[in-house]
Amino acid sequence: MSGTDRRADAGAVTAAGLVLVDKPSGMTSHDVVARCRKAFSTRKVGHAGTLDPMATGVLVIGIERATKLLGLLSLTTKSYTATVRLGAGSDTDDADGTLGDRSDVAHLDRDTVTAATRDFVGEIDQVPASVSAIKVDGRRAHALMREGVEVELPSRRVTVSRFDVVDTRVVDGWFDVDVEVDCSSGTYIRSLARDLGSSLDVGGHLTVLRRTAVGPFTIDRSVALDDLEADPRMSLAIDDAIALAFPHRTIDDAQAESISQGRWLEPVGMSGVYAAVTADGRVIALLQEKGRRAASVMVVRPATLR
């Protein structure tokens, strides 16, 4: 490899990182990726933790070598603010679908609704929305539904650690409920809206959804897509992103050289994926211990780039 090529490859590490986009409503996650590719002038862009088109909020975007991080990030907890509209269900469980028959909600009040939410806190069995991206016989459920195919998805076990009512109001005969939800990955907020409405015998659907956190990445670190296009910048350089998302083990120069060459280190009793970091804060690799080896699951700085 020539000196010029080596510097170019090393620059790929310097240019790598995560962008936390505050996704606007009406766009798919893939739309955001396409605009980030143009903004950062690279094809090496990917995303983690898909958001529905109607939803806004935190979307984690990987740039350059950080795209390899996306599948390793532990994004098992998520937080949302949302508005549940009580008074009718929807075939998509949100306002974009076809509404069912209206129900009288005059008897509802905040205390009644708050009490009903308690049945959905903890480990629960939830049937995903029919317009989800879950595959049925190799095809996405939402694609089948658009073709008029009836989709029945099995329930799955999810965890809702918080389902708080923060405000209620009556709007044109609807009973709107603003909520805050902390939950496990795989939980559908639109399904919570549907099931809350069903439990109150009035029907319910989602009208607003905003993701405020996914794993350790929060809305306060996120940037609007228009602002990002005007001034492309990383939210977190790759070293900073790894420091936030993974535990770490400090390694010496000899260990750094070894792991950068694709060899393994002696285990130290750490569980899960963790970072091997030099004393000056450079991440050399992400490791996972199995038996007598701490082997790399991603080499951030292979020897050819150092």
Foldseek 3Di string as FASTA:
>chain_A
DDPVVLQVLLVLQVPWFKAWAFADAQDWPVRLQVLLCVLSVHNQKDWADTDDRRATETIIMIDRPCSLCRVQFDQFKWKKKFKKKFFWAFLQLAPVGDTDDGDQPVPDDPVVLQVLCVVVAAKDWFFDGQLAQDDDPRGGSNVCVVVVHDDGGGTDIWHKHAWDFDDWDADPRIIMTIIMTMITPPDDVSRSSQVSNVVVVRGMGTYYMYIQDGQQDGRVLHDYSVVCSVPPDHSTRHLRVQVRRFAEDEDEPVVLLQQLQQHWDFDDPDAGWHFYAYPVRDTQAIWHDDDGTTGGPGGSHHPSND
